[in-house]
Amino acid sequence: MNTALSPIAPHSRRVGIVGTGNMGGGMASNLLARGWQVQVHDLDLTKMEALGHRGAMACADAAAAATGVPITIVCVVDAAQCDDVLWGERGVHARPGGLTGHTVMLCPTVAPGDVERIAARLLLAGAATIDAPMSGGPQRAADGTMSLMVACEASVRVQHSELINVLSNRVFHLGDRPGNGAKMKLVNNLLAGINLVGAAEALAMAQRMGMDLGTVLDVIEQSSGQSWIGSDRMRRAIDNDYAPRAHATLLRKDTALAVKAGQDAGFEGPLGAATSEVFARVIEQGWAHLDDAVVFRFLETDCCRLEPHTSRQEHDEQAPPDLF
């Protein structure tokens, strides 16, 4: 691949993106459409090639994607992948001149402690960190309307304000401490997971009662049970459309991280752990590669089907007598 770059001014509209999946690819598309020069790296060559046809420069590794740009966006899955992208053999640290003066924008959903650890290591290497998890899905990433939860030093935010505002018209500033963005994202994603499981359960119950699911969802969307993720995912589920927009593994990971973060802070609610367990059981069914709307399939099938209700009194009456 061509990784040769010409010298540029340090504050030109040029950015590196490592990880061009649904969200990273959406951000790259948005920036390209707005005239930014985008350098991309992803392990999936087809994703890079698709962006290359739209004007992005495909790079052989993370170091190349970060070369000649003031900021690199890291949009991978988890903390381990962040570490590899930043400090692997051809990670961002290997760019000419190292990390001094560079900025790294962290967009994955990871534990707050991991963000703090990564930011501290980057600081020692002379780099700044923007903790910037995102929400809204790939279409909103592509059109610049996703939510962006930003935590970083004020001077760093000002320096990269043009990029931040192009990426999102819904930017939430969460202070100057990296890790605050991660906390906010886990709170949001825990609620998203709870809402999704709740919507799937309600529709599975409606189906068991013989109701028309399209009508049920029409009513919910105009009533107190409405949620964005419930409507978005359950419309697909009704059509038996489980092509992955957001893989089921992501909410499994995110809800587990959220439950752990709550426990670390001394909080444990009644719904988070139960929701995380539902996603764990979805993955056990072999559906990790499907969209997270597949939670409806789990709840409507024998995977999670109870026999018609038997009261505790009836159960006790049917039980054999004690032997002792």
Protein backbone atom coordinates (compact mmCIF):
# COMPACT_ATOMS: atom_id res chain seq x y z
CA MET A 1 0.00 0.00 0.00
CA ASN A 2 1.06 3.57 -0.55
CA THR A 3 2.02 5.16 2.76
CA ALA A 4 4.20 8.01 1.46
CA LEU A 5 3.03 11.36 2.79
CA SER A 6 4.04 14.86 1.80
CA PRO A 7 4.96 17.44 4.46
CA ILE A 8 1.98 19.36 5.78
CA ALA A 9 1.26 22.16 8.19
CA PRO A 10 0.67 20.73 11.68
CA HIS A 11 -2.87 22.09 11.99
CA SER A 12 -4.22 21.28 8.52
CA ARG A 13 -7.50 19.42 8.16
CA ARG A 14 -5.87 16.03 8.13
CA VAL A 15 -6.61 13.16 10.49
CA GLY A 16 -5.69 9.53 10.98
CA ILE A 17 -8.30 6.90 11.84
CA VAL A 18 -7.38 3.44 13.06
CA GLY A 19 -10.37 1.11 12.99
CA THR A 20 -12.84 1.73 10.16
CA GLY A 21 -15.70 -0.55 11.12
CA ASN A 22 -19.27 0.70 11.43
CA MET A 23 -18.50 3.78 13.51
CA GLY A 24 -14.94 4.49 12.39
CA GLY A 25 -15.97 4.06 8.77
CA GLY A 26 -18.92 6.38 9.34
CA MET A 27 -16.66 9.07 10.80
CA ALA A 28 -14.22 8.70 7.91
CA SER A 29 -17.05 9.08 5.39
CA ASN A 30 -18.29 12.19 7.16
CA LEU A 31 -14.84 13.80 7.19
CA LEU A 32 -14.16 12.95 3.56
CA ALA A 33 -17.48 14.46 2.50
CA ARG A 34 -16.49 17.68 4.27
CA GLY A 35 -13.14 17.96 2.55
CA TRP A 36 -10.83 16.54 5.21
CA GLN A 37 -7.80 14.47 4.26
CA VAL A 38 -8.20 11.12 5.99
CA GLN A 39 -5.59 8.41 6.48
CA VAL A 40 -7.03 5.06 7.52
CA HIS A 41 -5.83 1.71 8.77
CA ASP A 42 -7.88 -1.39 9.44
CA LEU A 43 -7.13 -5.10 9.50
CA ASP A 44 -9.99 -5.57 7.02
CA LEU A 45 -8.51 -4.53 3.68
CA THR A 46 -11.92 -4.29 2.02
CA LYS A 47 -12.97 -1.56 4.44
CA MET A 48 -9.86 0.46 3.65
CA GLU A 49 -10.32 -0.07 -0.07
CA ALA A 50 -13.92 1.15 0.08
CA LEU A 51 -12.81 4.34 1.81
CA GLY A 52 -9.89 4.63 -0.61
CA HIS A 53 -12.37 4.86 -3.47
CA ARG A 54 -13.85 7.88 -1.67
CA GLY A 55 -10.51 9.63 -1.31
CA ALA A 56 -9.00 8.25 1.91
CA MET A 57 -5.36 7.17 2.02
CA ALA A 58 -5.12 3.49 2.97
CA CYS A 59 -2.17 2.84 5.28
CA ALA A 60 -0.33 -0.38 6.01
CA ASP A 61 -0.29 0.12 9.78
CA ALA A 62 -1.29 2.44 12.61
CA ALA A 63 2.07 4.25 12.56
CA ALA A 64 1.54 5.22 8.92
CA ALA A 65 -2.03 6.35 9.57
CA ALA A 66 -0.73 8.62 12.34
CA THR A 67 2.14 10.08 10.32
CA GLY A 68 1.93 13.73 9.34
CA VAL A 69 -1.34 14.37 11.17
CA PRO A 70 -1.94 16.27 14.41
CA ILE A 71 -4.46 13.75 15.75
CA THR A 72 -5.27 10.06 15.43
CA ILE A 73 -8.73 8.69 16.14
CA VAL A 74 -8.68 5.19 17.63
CA CYS A 75 -11.97 3.41 16.95
CA VAL A 76 -11.43 -0.23 17.84
CA VAL A 77 -13.36 -2.61 20.11
CA ASP A 78 -11.65 -2.84 23.49
CA ALA A 79 -8.74 -1.77 25.69
CA ALA A 80 -6.47 -4.57 24.49
CA GLN A 81 -6.88 -3.41 20.91
CA CYS A 82 -6.23 0.20 21.99
CA ASP A 83 -2.96 -0.90 23.57
CA ASP A 84 -1.94 -2.74 20.41
CA VAL A 85 -2.85 0.19 18.15
CA LEU A 86 -0.87 2.62 20.29
CA TRP A 87 2.13 0.58 21.44
CA GLY A 88 2.30 -2.46 19.20
CA GLU A 89 5.27 -3.05 16.91
CA ARG A 90 3.90 -0.67 14.26
CA GLY A 91 1.59 1.23 16.54
CA VAL A 92 1.02 4.97 16.68
CA HIS A 93 4.10 5.36 18.91
CA ALA A 94 6.27 4.33 15.92
CA ARG A 95 5.31 7.36 13.82
CA PRO A 96 8.28 9.60 12.89
CA GLY A 97 9.06 11.76 15.91
CA GLY A 98 7.17 9.48 18.25
CA LEU A 99 4.17 10.67 20.24
CA THR A 100 5.51 14.07 21.30
CA GLY A 101 3.00 16.78 20.42
CA HIS A 102 0.49 14.30 19.05
CA THR A 103 -3.13 13.87 20.19
CA VAL A 104 -5.00 10.58 20.44
CA MET A 105 -8.80 10.53 20.43
CA LEU A 106 -10.11 7.38 22.11
CA CYS A 107 -13.58 6.41 20.89
CA PRO A 108 -14.11 2.78 22.03
CA THR A 109 -16.30 1.81 24.95
CA VAL A 110 -13.82 0.70 27.60
CA ALA A 111 -13.52 0.77 31.37
CA PRO A 112 -12.79 4.21 32.87
CA GLY A 113 -9.68 2.80 34.53
CA ASP A 114 -8.32 1.73 31.15
CA VAL A 115 -8.84 5.22 29.73
CA GLU A 116 -7.05 6.73 32.72
CA ARG A 117 -4.18 4.27 32.33
CA ILE A 118 -3.82 4.90 28.60
CA ALA A 119 -4.03 8.68 29.05
CA ALA A 120 -1.33 8.60 31.74
CA ARG A 121 0.99 6.59 29.50
CA LEU A 122 0.37 8.92 26.56
CA LEU A 123 1.10 11.93 28.75
CA LEU A 124 4.45 10.46 29.76
CA ALA A 125 5.21 10.05 26.05
CA GLY A 126 4.33 13.69 25.35
CA ALA A 127 0.90 13.12 23.82
CA ALA A 128 -2.55 14.43 24.75
CA THR A 129 -5.68 12.33 25.10
CA ILE A 130 -9.27 13.11 24.16
CA ASP A 131 -11.60 10.63 25.83
CA ALA A 132 -14.47 10.66 23.32
CA PRO A 133 -16.80 7.65 23.26
CA MET A 134 -19.69 7.98 20.84
CA SER A 135 -23.28 6.86 20.48
CA GLY A 136 -25.89 6.80 17.75
CA GLY A 137 -24.96 4.17 15.19
CA PRO A 138 -23.09 4.23 11.88
CA GLN A 139 -25.57 6.38 9.95
CA ARG A 140 -25.37 9.16 12.52
CA ALA A 141 -21.58 8.83 12.54
CA ALA A 142 -21.63 9.29 8.77
CA ASP A 143 -23.84 12.37 8.83
CA GLY A 144 -22.22 14.02 11.86
CA THR A 145 -25.20 13.75 14.21
CA MET A 146 -23.95 11.10 16.62
CA SER A 147 -23.48 11.94 20.28
CA LEU A 148 -19.87 12.55 21.33
CA MET A 149 -18.95 12.49 25.03
CA VAL A 150 -15.74 14.47 25.38
CA ALA A 151 -13.40 14.63 28.37
CA CYS A 152 -9.99 16.27 28.02
CA GLU A 153 -8.01 19.35 28.98
CA ALA A 154 -9.67 22.55 27.79
CA SER A 155 -6.66 23.57 25.71
CA VAL A 156 -6.72 20.25 23.85
CA ARG A 157 -10.43 20.57 23.21
CA VAL A 158 -9.94 24.07 21.79
CA GLN A 159 -7.03 22.93 19.62
CA HIS A 160 -9.16 20.22 18.01
CA SER A 161 -12.56 21.93 18.21
CA GLU A 162 -13.01 22.03 14.42
CA LEU A 163 -12.60 18.26 14.17
CA ILE A 164 -14.82 17.60 17.18
CA ASN A 165 -17.61 19.77 15.80
CA VAL A 166 -17.40 18.15 12.35
CA LEU A 167 -17.64 14.69 13.89
CA SER A 168 -20.72 15.58 15.91
CA ASN A 169 -23.31 18.31 16.32
CA ARG A 170 -24.19 16.76 19.69
CA VAL A 171 -21.02 17.21 21.73
CA PHE A 172 -21.21 16.86 25.50
CA HIS A 173 -18.28 18.24 27.51
CA LEU A 174 -17.66 16.12 30.60
CA GLY A 175 -14.75 17.91 32.20
CA ASP A 176 -11.01 17.84 31.73
CA ARG A 177 -10.28 14.36 33.09
CA PRO A 178 -10.01 11.46 30.64
CA GLY A 179 -12.16 8.66 31.99
CA ASN A 180 -15.25 10.81 32.52
CA GLY A 181 -16.33 10.16 28.94
CA ALA A 182 -15.96 6.42 29.49
CA LYS A 183 -18.10 6.63 32.64
CA MET A 184 -20.83 8.48 30.76
CA LYS A 185 -20.76 5.97 27.90
CA LEU A 186 -21.14 3.02 30.27
CA VAL A 187 -24.09 4.68 32.01
CA ASN A 188 -25.69 5.29 28.62
CA ASN A 189 -25.01 1.82 27.26
CA LEU A 190 -26.26 0.11 30.38
CA LEU A 191 -29.57 1.92 29.94
CA ALA A 192 -29.54 1.13 26.22
CA GLY A 193 -29.10 -2.55 27.02
CA ILE A 194 -31.85 -2.49 29.64
CA ASN A 195 -34.19 -0.70 27.23
CA LEU A 196 -33.43 -3.15 24.44
CA VAL A 197 -34.01 -6.24 26.56
CA GLY A 198 -37.17 -4.65 27.94
CA ALA A 199 -38.51 -3.89 24.46
CA ALA A 200 -37.68 -7.41 23.26
CA GLU A 201 -39.37 -8.95 26.30
CA ALA A 202 -42.50 -6.85 25.81
CA LEU A 203 -42.79 -7.82 22.14
CA ALA A 204 -42.06 -11.48 22.87
CA MET A 205 -44.88 -11.42 25.43
CA ALA A 206 -47.19 -9.68 22.95
CA GLN A 207 -46.40 -12.33 20.35
CA ARG A 208 -47.14 -15.12 22.84
CA MET A 209 -50.50 -13.46 23.50
CA GLY A 210 -51.29 -13.51 19.78
CA MET A 211 -50.98 -9.78 19.10
CA ASP A 212 -49.79 -8.18 15.84
CA LEU A 213 -46.26 -6.98 16.55
CA GLY A 214 -46.30 -4.13 14.04
CA THR A 215 -49.38 -2.68 15.70
CA VAL A 216 -47.92 -3.24 19.16
CA LEU A 217 -44.79 -1.31 18.22
CA ASP A 218 -46.87 1.46 16.60
CA VAL A 219 -48.66 1.96 19.91
CA ILE A 220 -45.50 1.77 22.04
CA GLU A 221 -43.77 4.35 19.86
CA GLN A 222 -46.53 6.84 20.68
CA SER A 223 -46.81 5.90 24.34
CA SER A 224 -44.85 5.79 27.57
CA GLY A 225 -42.96 2.59 26.69
CA GLN A 226 -41.12 4.17 23.76
CA SER A 227 -37.32 4.06 23.50
CA TRP A 228 -35.13 4.82 20.51
CA ILE A 229 -33.17 1.58 20.69
CA GLY A 230 -36.34 -0.43 21.22
CA SER A 231 -37.97 1.02 18.11
CA ASP A 232 -34.82 0.78 16.00
CA ARG A 233 -34.01 -2.83 16.88
CA MET A 234 -37.52 -4.24 17.17
CA ARG A 235 -38.52 -2.93 13.74
CA ARG A 236 -35.68 -5.02 12.35
CA ALA A 237 -36.58 -7.99 14.55
CA ILE A 238 -40.17 -7.98 13.30
CA ASP A 239 -38.77 -8.26 9.77
CA ASN A 240 -36.41 -11.04 10.89
CA ASP A 241 -33.52 -8.76 9.85
CA TYR A 242 -30.49 -9.54 11.98
CA ALA A 243 -27.77 -8.34 9.60
CA PRO A 244 -25.21 -6.80 11.96
CA ARG A 245 -25.24 -3.03 12.41
CA ALA A 246 -24.16 -3.41 16.03
CA HIS A 247 -23.01 -6.94 16.87
CA ALA A 248 -24.59 -8.61 19.88
CA THR A 249 -21.12 -8.97 21.41
CA LEU A 250 -20.84 -5.21 21.89
CA LEU A 251 -23.72 -4.81 24.34
CA ARG A 252 -22.57 -7.97 26.10
CA LYS A 253 -19.17 -6.33 26.59
CA ASP A 254 -20.56 -2.90 27.43
CA THR A 255 -23.17 -4.04 29.95
CA ALA A 256 -20.59 -6.22 31.70
CA LEU A 257 -18.19 -3.25 31.87
CA ALA A 258 -20.98 -1.04 33.20
CA VAL A 259 -21.97 -3.50 35.92
CA LYS A 260 -18.31 -3.81 36.97
CA ALA A 261 -17.85 -0.03 37.01
CA GLY A 262 -20.92 0.31 39.22
CA GLN A 263 -19.63 -2.37 41.58
CA ASP A 264 -16.26 -0.63 41.76
CA ALA A 265 -18.12 2.52 42.84
CA GLY A 266 -20.14 0.61 45.45
CA PHE A 267 -23.36 0.40 43.44
CA GLU A 268 -25.29 -2.64 42.28
CA GLY A 269 -28.78 -2.26 40.83
CA PRO A 270 -31.40 -4.91 40.11
CA LEU A 271 -31.46 -4.67 36.29
CA GLY A 272 -27.90 -4.25 35.04
CA ALA A 273 -26.60 -7.69 35.94
CA ALA A 274 -29.78 -9.37 34.68
CA THR A 275 -29.49 -7.52 31.37
CA SER A 276 -25.84 -8.46 30.99
CA GLU A 277 -26.73 -12.09 31.65
CA VAL A 278 -29.35 -12.03 28.88
CA PHE A 279 -26.71 -10.85 26.39
CA ALA A 280 -24.31 -13.50 27.67
CA ARG A 281 -26.92 -16.18 26.95
CA VAL A 282 -27.53 -14.71 23.49
CA ILE A 283 -23.82 -15.14 22.77
CA GLU A 284 -23.95 -18.72 24.08
CA GLN A 285 -26.56 -19.46 21.41
CA GLY A 286 -23.91 -18.75 18.77
CA TRP A 287 -25.43 -15.44 17.69
CA ALA A 288 -22.42 -13.19 18.40
CA HIS A 289 -22.13 -12.36 14.69
CA LEU A 290 -25.72 -11.09 14.48
CA ASP A 291 -27.22 -7.70 15.25
CA ASP A 292 -28.10 -7.09 18.89
CA ALA A 293 -31.77 -7.08 17.84
CA VAL A 294 -31.38 -10.87 17.99
CA VAL A 295 -32.17 -10.60 21.69
CA PHE A 296 -35.80 -10.76 20.50
CA ARG A 297 -35.18 -14.13 18.87
CA PHE A 298 -33.71 -15.35 22.15
CA LEU A 299 -36.69 -14.21 24.18
CA GLU A 300 -39.33 -15.50 21.74
CA THR A 301 -37.89 -19.00 21.41
CA ASP A 302 -37.54 -21.97 23.68
CA CYS A 303 -34.18 -20.55 24.81
CA CYS A 304 -36.09 -18.44 27.28
CA ARG A 305 -39.62 -19.86 27.32
CA LEU A 306 -41.42 -20.72 30.52
CA GLU A 307 -44.31 -23.06 30.89
CA PRO A 308 -47.69 -21.38 31.54
CA HIS A 309 -47.66 -19.85 34.99
CA THR A 310 -48.06 -22.12 38.01
CA SER A 311 -48.46 -20.39 41.34
CA ARG A 312 -46.24 -21.27 44.27
CA GLN A 313 -49.27 -22.69 46.09
CA GLU A 314 -50.15 -24.91 43.13
CA HIS A 315 -46.51 -25.98 42.87
CA ASP A 316 -46.45 -26.92 46.55
CA GLU A 317 -49.69 -28.88 46.22
CA GLN A 318 -48.26 -30.84 43.29
CA ALA A 319 -44.95 -31.58 44.98
CA PRO A 320 -44.39 -34.96 46.61
CA PRO A 321 -44.62 -35.04 50.41
CA ASP A 322 -41.47 -34.64 52.45
CA LEU A 323 -39.84 -37.94 53.30
CA PHE A 324 -38.75 -36.79 56.73
